Amino acid sequence: QVQLVESGGGLVQPGGSLRLSCAPSGSTSRFLIMAWYRQAPGKQRDLVARITSSGSTNYADFVKGRFTISGDKVKNTWYLQMNSLKPEDTAVYSCYGKQILSDYWGQGTQVTVSS
């Protein structure tokens, strides 16, 4: 079955930037909803940002103004541009995609914000 694959995670200093990417491992139908979630150790998984196939976006309050979600229809890929990163942004970031009849999750990519 189709899997989602994240890339772009890593170690960055506070105030720095990272761009995460999420792409299906194979050909698949378009996604109605594309999103990023994150989970820090000992914490629940939280929605970070979401974009619909029509381009509508929403963001968690704790990232609004710093993060931007976007999608590439041709590549069927979506991104999370993260700016002004803070230590509290440290978490495993996972991408999510919803099709009409299926939901998919990536395995997650570690983002660590530390000096």
N, C-alpha and C. Protein backbone atom coordinates (compact mmCIF):
# COMPACT_ATOMS: atom_id res chain seq x y z
N GLN A 1 0.84 -1.20 0.00
CA GLN A 1 0.00 0.00 0.00
C GLN A 1 0.87 1.25 0.00
N VAL A 2 0.25 2.34 -0.34
CA VAL A 2 0.95 3.61 -0.36
C VAL A 2 1.35 4.00 1.05
N GLN A 3 2.56 4.50 1.17
CA GLN A 3 3.06 5.03 2.42
C GLN A 3 3.47 6.48 2.23
N LEU A 4 3.39 7.24 3.30
CA LEU A 4 3.86 8.61 3.28
C LEU A 4 5.26 8.65 3.87
N VAL A 5 6.13 9.42 3.25
CA VAL A 5 7.52 9.50 3.66
C VAL A 5 7.87 10.95 3.92
N GLU A 6 8.32 11.23 5.15
CA GLU A 6 8.74 12.57 5.52
C GLU A 6 10.24 12.72 5.31
N SER A 7 10.65 13.95 5.09
CA SER A 7 12.07 14.28 5.04
C SER A 7 12.26 15.71 5.50
N GLY A 8 13.48 16.05 5.85
CA GLY A 8 13.82 17.42 6.21
C GLY A 8 14.04 17.67 7.68
N GLY A 9 13.79 16.69 8.52
CA GLY A 9 14.02 16.88 9.93
C GLY A 9 15.49 16.93 10.26
N GLY A 10 15.79 17.33 11.49
CA GLY A 10 17.16 17.40 11.91
C GLY A 10 17.33 18.29 13.11
N LEU A 11 18.56 18.67 13.37
CA LEU A 11 18.93 19.52 14.49
C LEU A 11 19.13 20.94 14.00
N VAL A 12 18.51 21.88 14.69
CA VAL A 12 18.62 23.29 14.33
C VAL A 12 18.69 24.12 15.60
N GLN A 13 19.38 25.24 15.53
CA GLN A 13 19.47 26.13 16.68
C GLN A 13 18.21 26.96 16.83
N PRO A 14 17.91 27.40 18.05
CA PRO A 14 16.77 28.29 18.23
C PRO A 14 16.84 29.49 17.30
N GLY A 15 15.70 29.84 16.73
CA GLY A 15 15.64 30.91 15.76
C GLY A 15 15.88 30.47 14.33
N GLY A 16 16.30 29.24 14.14
CA GLY A 16 16.58 28.73 12.82
C GLY A 16 15.35 28.24 12.10
N SER A 17 15.57 27.67 10.93
CA SER A 17 14.48 27.22 10.07
C SER A 17 14.73 25.82 9.55
N LEU A 18 13.64 25.12 9.29
CA LEU A 18 13.67 23.83 8.63
C LEU A 18 12.46 23.74 7.72
N ARG A 19 12.58 22.96 6.66
CA ARG A 19 11.45 22.68 5.80
C ARG A 19 11.25 21.17 5.72
N LEU A 20 10.09 20.72 6.14
CA LEU A 20 9.74 19.32 6.07
C LEU A 20 8.95 19.04 4.80
N SER A 21 9.15 17.86 4.25
CA SER A 21 8.43 17.43 3.06
C SER A 21 7.74 16.11 3.35
N CYS A 22 6.61 15.90 2.70
CA CYS A 22 5.87 14.65 2.81
C CYS A 22 5.43 14.24 1.42
N ALA A 23 5.79 13.02 1.03
CA ALA A 23 5.45 12.53 -0.29
C ALA A 23 5.03 11.07 -0.23
N PRO A 24 4.02 10.68 -0.99
CA PRO A 24 3.67 9.26 -1.06
C PRO A 24 4.80 8.44 -1.67
N SER A 25 4.91 7.20 -1.22
CA SER A 25 5.95 6.32 -1.72
C SER A 25 5.65 5.81 -3.12
N GLY A 26 4.43 5.93 -3.57
CA GLY A 26 4.03 5.51 -4.90
C GLY A 26 2.89 6.35 -5.42
N SER A 27 2.46 6.02 -6.61
CA SER A 27 1.35 6.74 -7.22
C SER A 27 0.07 6.50 -6.43
N THR A 28 -0.67 7.57 -6.22
CA THR A 28 -1.92 7.46 -5.48
C THR A 28 -2.83 8.61 -5.88
N SER A 29 -4.05 8.54 -5.41
CA SER A 29 -5.02 9.59 -5.69
C SER A 29 -4.68 10.85 -4.91
N ARG A 30 -5.31 11.93 -5.31
CA ARG A 30 -5.10 13.19 -4.62
C ARG A 30 -5.61 13.11 -3.20
N PHE A 31 -5.07 13.97 -2.37
CA PHE A 31 -5.47 14.04 -0.98
C PHE A 31 -6.43 15.19 -0.76
N LEU A 32 -7.49 14.92 -0.04
CA LEU A 32 -8.45 15.96 0.29
C LEU A 32 -7.94 16.85 1.41
N ILE A 33 -7.25 16.25 2.34
CA ILE A 33 -6.68 16.97 3.47
C ILE A 33 -5.25 16.51 3.65
N MET A 34 -4.36 17.45 3.83
CA MET A 34 -2.96 17.18 4.11
C MET A 34 -2.59 17.94 5.36
N ALA A 35 -1.86 17.30 6.24
CA ALA A 35 -1.61 17.93 7.53
C ALA A 35 -0.28 17.47 8.10
N TRP A 36 0.17 18.20 9.09
CA TRP A 36 1.32 17.85 9.90
C TRP A 36 0.91 17.81 11.37
N TYR A 37 1.36 16.79 12.05
CA TYR A 37 1.18 16.63 13.48
C TYR A 37 2.55 16.54 14.13
N ARG A 38 2.58 16.75 15.43
CA ARG A 38 3.83 16.56 16.16
C ARG A 38 3.55 15.96 17.52
N GLN A 39 4.53 15.24 18.02
CA GLN A 39 4.42 14.63 19.34
C GLN A 39 5.78 14.66 20.01
N ALA A 40 5.83 15.31 21.16
CA ALA A 40 7.03 15.34 21.97
C ALA A 40 6.97 14.20 22.98
N PRO A 41 8.12 13.78 23.51
CA PRO A 41 8.12 12.69 24.49
C PRO A 41 7.21 13.00 25.67
N GLY A 42 6.36 12.05 26.02
CA GLY A 42 5.45 12.22 27.13
C GLY A 42 4.28 13.11 26.86
N LYS A 43 4.12 13.58 25.63
CA LYS A 43 3.03 14.48 25.29
C LYS A 43 2.10 13.82 24.28
N GLN A 44 0.92 14.36 24.15
CA GLN A 44 -0.03 13.88 23.16
C GLN A 44 0.36 14.38 21.78
N ARG A 45 -0.20 13.75 20.77
CA ARG A 45 0.03 14.18 19.40
C ARG A 45 -0.91 15.33 19.06
N ASP A 46 -0.35 16.41 18.58
CA ASP A 46 -1.11 17.61 18.31
C ASP A 46 -1.08 17.96 16.83
N LEU A 47 -2.18 18.48 16.34
CA LEU A 47 -2.22 19.01 14.99
C LEU A 47 -1.40 20.30 14.93
N VAL A 48 -0.52 20.40 13.95
CA VAL A 48 0.30 21.58 13.76
C VAL A 48 -0.28 22.48 12.68
N ALA A 49 -0.59 21.90 11.53
CA ALA A 49 -1.10 22.67 10.41
C ALA A 49 -1.84 21.74 9.47
N ARG A 50 -2.78 22.31 8.72
CA ARG A 50 -3.58 21.54 7.80
C ARG A 50 -3.84 22.35 6.55
N ILE A 51 -3.89 21.68 5.42
CA ILE A 51 -4.26 22.31 4.16
C ILE A 51 -5.21 21.38 3.43
N THR A 52 -6.25 21.94 2.83
CA THR A 52 -7.20 21.16 2.05
C THR A 52 -6.85 21.21 0.58
N SER A 53 -7.49 20.38 -0.20
CA SER A 53 -7.23 20.34 -1.64
C SER A 53 -7.60 21.64 -2.33
N SER A 54 -8.46 22.43 -1.70
CA SER A 54 -8.82 23.72 -2.25
C SER A 54 -7.86 24.83 -1.85
N GLY A 55 -6.91 24.51 -0.98
CA GLY A 55 -5.92 25.49 -0.58
C GLY A 55 -6.18 26.17 0.75
N SER A 56 -7.27 25.82 1.39
CA SER A 56 -7.56 26.41 2.69
C SER A 56 -6.61 25.86 3.74
N THR A 57 -6.12 26.71 4.61
CA THR A 57 -5.17 26.31 5.64
C THR A 57 -5.66 26.69 7.02
N ASN A 58 -5.21 25.95 8.01
CA ASN A 58 -5.34 26.38 9.38
C ASN A 58 -4.14 25.88 10.18
N TYR A 59 -3.91 26.55 11.31
CA TYR A 59 -2.71 26.32 12.10
C TYR A 59 -3.05 26.28 13.57
N ALA A 60 -2.26 25.52 14.29
CA ALA A 60 -2.31 25.59 15.74
C ALA A 60 -1.82 26.95 16.20
N ASP A 61 -2.39 27.43 17.29
CA ASP A 61 -2.01 28.75 17.78
C ASP A 61 -0.52 28.83 18.09
N PHE A 62 0.07 27.74 18.53
CA PHE A 62 1.46 27.79 18.96
C PHE A 62 2.45 27.87 17.81
N VAL A 63 1.99 27.75 16.56
CA VAL A 63 2.89 27.90 15.42
C VAL A 63 2.45 29.00 14.46
N LYS A 64 1.29 29.57 14.69
CA LYS A 64 0.77 30.58 13.77
C LYS A 64 1.73 31.75 13.66
N GLY A 65 2.01 32.14 12.43
CA GLY A 65 2.94 33.21 12.18
C GLY A 65 4.37 32.77 12.02
N ARG A 66 4.67 31.54 12.38
CA ARG A 66 6.02 31.00 12.25
C ARG A 66 6.11 29.87 11.22
N PHE A 67 5.07 29.06 11.13
CA PHE A 67 5.07 27.91 10.22
C PHE A 67 4.11 28.16 9.07
N THR A 68 4.43 27.58 7.92
CA THR A 68 3.58 27.67 6.74
C THR A 68 3.46 26.30 6.10
N ILE A 69 2.23 25.85 5.87
CA ILE A 69 1.99 24.61 5.17
C ILE A 69 1.64 24.92 3.72
N SER A 70 2.13 24.11 2.80
CA SER A 70 1.85 24.30 1.39
C SER A 70 1.85 22.95 0.70
N GLY A 71 1.30 22.91 -0.49
CA GLY A 71 1.23 21.68 -1.25
C GLY A 71 1.60 21.89 -2.70
N ASP A 72 2.06 20.82 -3.31
CA ASP A 72 2.41 20.79 -4.73
C ASP A 72 1.50 19.77 -5.38
N LYS A 73 0.55 20.24 -6.17
CA LYS A 73 -0.42 19.33 -6.78
C LYS A 73 0.22 18.39 -7.79
N VAL A 74 1.22 18.88 -8.52
CA VAL A 74 1.86 18.05 -9.53
C VAL A 74 2.60 16.89 -8.89
N LYS A 75 3.33 17.17 -7.82
CA LYS A 75 4.10 16.15 -7.14
C LYS A 75 3.31 15.40 -6.08
N ASN A 76 2.10 15.87 -5.79
CA ASN A 76 1.29 15.27 -4.73
C ASN A 76 2.09 15.22 -3.43
N THR A 77 2.68 16.33 -3.11
CA THR A 77 3.58 16.46 -1.99
C THR A 77 3.21 17.70 -1.20
N TRP A 78 3.40 17.63 0.11
CA TRP A 78 3.15 18.82 0.91
C TRP A 78 4.31 19.07 1.86
N TYR A 79 4.37 20.32 2.32
CA TYR A 79 5.53 20.82 3.01
C TYR A 79 5.12 21.57 4.27
N LEU A 80 6.06 21.66 5.18
CA LEU A 80 5.91 22.50 6.35
C LEU A 80 7.17 23.33 6.49
N GLN A 81 7.07 24.62 6.19
CA GLN A 81 8.17 25.54 6.39
C GLN A 81 8.11 26.05 7.82
N MET A 82 9.16 25.81 8.57
CA MET A 82 9.21 26.16 9.98
C MET A 82 10.29 27.21 10.19
N ASN A 83 9.87 28.37 10.62
CA ASN A 83 10.78 29.48 10.89
C ASN A 83 10.72 29.85 12.36
N SER A 84 11.72 30.59 12.79
CA SER A 84 11.79 31.06 14.18
C SER A 84 11.56 29.93 15.16
N LEU A 85 12.26 28.84 14.95
CA LEU A 85 12.05 27.65 15.75
C LEU A 85 12.47 27.87 17.20
N LYS A 86 11.71 27.26 18.08
CA LYS A 86 11.92 27.34 19.52
C LYS A 86 12.23 25.96 20.07
N PRO A 87 12.91 25.88 21.21
CA PRO A 87 13.16 24.56 21.80
C PRO A 87 11.89 23.76 22.03
N GLU A 88 10.78 24.41 22.35
CA GLU A 88 9.54 23.70 22.58
C GLU A 88 8.93 23.13 21.31
N ASP A 89 9.49 23.46 20.15
CA ASP A 89 9.07 22.84 18.90
C ASP A 89 9.68 21.45 18.71
N THR A 90 10.61 21.08 19.57
CA THR A 90 11.24 19.78 19.47
C THR A 90 10.20 18.67 19.59
N ALA A 91 10.15 17.80 18.60
CA ALA A 91 9.15 16.74 18.57
C ALA A 91 9.39 15.87 17.34
N VAL A 92 8.68 14.76 17.29
CA VAL A 92 8.59 13.99 16.07
C VAL A 92 7.42 14.54 15.27
N TYR A 93 7.70 14.94 14.05
CA TYR A 93 6.69 15.50 13.17
C TYR A 93 6.26 14.44 12.17
N SER A 94 4.96 14.23 12.07
CA SER A 94 4.40 13.22 11.19
C SER A 94 3.43 13.87 10.22
N CYS A 95 3.48 13.42 8.98
CA CYS A 95 2.53 13.93 8.01
C CYS A 95 1.33 13.00 7.91
N TYR A 96 0.23 13.57 7.48
CA TYR A 96 -1.05 12.89 7.38
C TYR A 96 -1.72 13.30 6.08
N GLY A 97 -2.33 12.34 5.42
CA GLY A 97 -3.07 12.63 4.21
C GLY A 97 -4.37 11.85 4.19
N LYS A 98 -5.44 12.55 3.87
CA LYS A 98 -6.76 11.93 3.82
C LYS A 98 -7.26 11.93 2.38
N GLN A 99 -7.61 10.75 1.90
CA GLN A 99 -8.29 10.60 0.63
C GLN A 99 -9.76 10.32 0.90
N ILE A 100 -10.53 10.10 -0.14
CA ILE A 100 -11.96 9.89 0.04
C ILE A 100 -12.23 8.69 0.94
N LEU A 101 -11.51 7.61 0.72
CA LEU A 101 -11.76 6.37 1.45
C LEU A 101 -10.59 5.91 2.30
N SER A 102 -9.49 6.61 2.29
CA SER A 102 -8.30 6.15 2.98
C SER A 102 -7.61 7.29 3.72
N ASP A 103 -6.93 6.93 4.79
CA ASP A 103 -6.11 7.85 5.56
C ASP A 103 -4.71 7.27 5.66
N TYR A 104 -3.72 8.11 5.55
CA TYR A 104 -2.33 7.67 5.57
C TYR A 104 -1.52 8.51 6.54
N TRP A 105 -0.56 7.86 7.16
CA TRP A 105 0.38 8.51 8.07
C TRP A 105 1.80 8.20 7.67
N GLY A 106 2.67 9.17 7.85
CA GLY A 106 4.09 8.92 7.72
C GLY A 106 4.67 8.36 9.00
N GLN A 107 5.91 7.93 8.93
CA GLN A 107 6.57 7.35 10.09
C GLN A 107 7.12 8.39 11.06
N GLY A 108 7.23 9.60 10.62
CA GLY A 108 7.69 10.68 11.47
C GLY A 108 9.15 11.03 11.22
N THR A 109 9.46 12.29 11.43
CA THR A 109 10.82 12.77 11.33
C THR A 109 11.13 13.63 12.55
N GLN A 110 12.30 13.43 13.12
CA GLN A 110 12.67 14.12 14.35
C GLN A 110 13.13 15.53 14.05
N VAL A 111 12.56 16.48 14.76
CA VAL A 111 13.01 17.86 14.74
C VAL A 111 13.48 18.22 16.14
N THR A 112 14.73 18.62 16.24
CA THR A 112 15.31 19.00 17.52
C THR A 112 15.82 20.42 17.43
N VAL A 113 15.33 21.27 18.31
CA VAL A 113 15.73 22.67 18.36
C VAL A 113 16.53 22.87 19.64
N SER A 114 17.81 23.07 19.48
CA SER A 114 18.70 23.16 20.64
C SER A 114 19.98 23.86 20.25
N SER A 115 20.55 24.58 21.19
CA SER A 115 21.84 25.21 20.98
C SER A 115 22.98 24.31 21.45
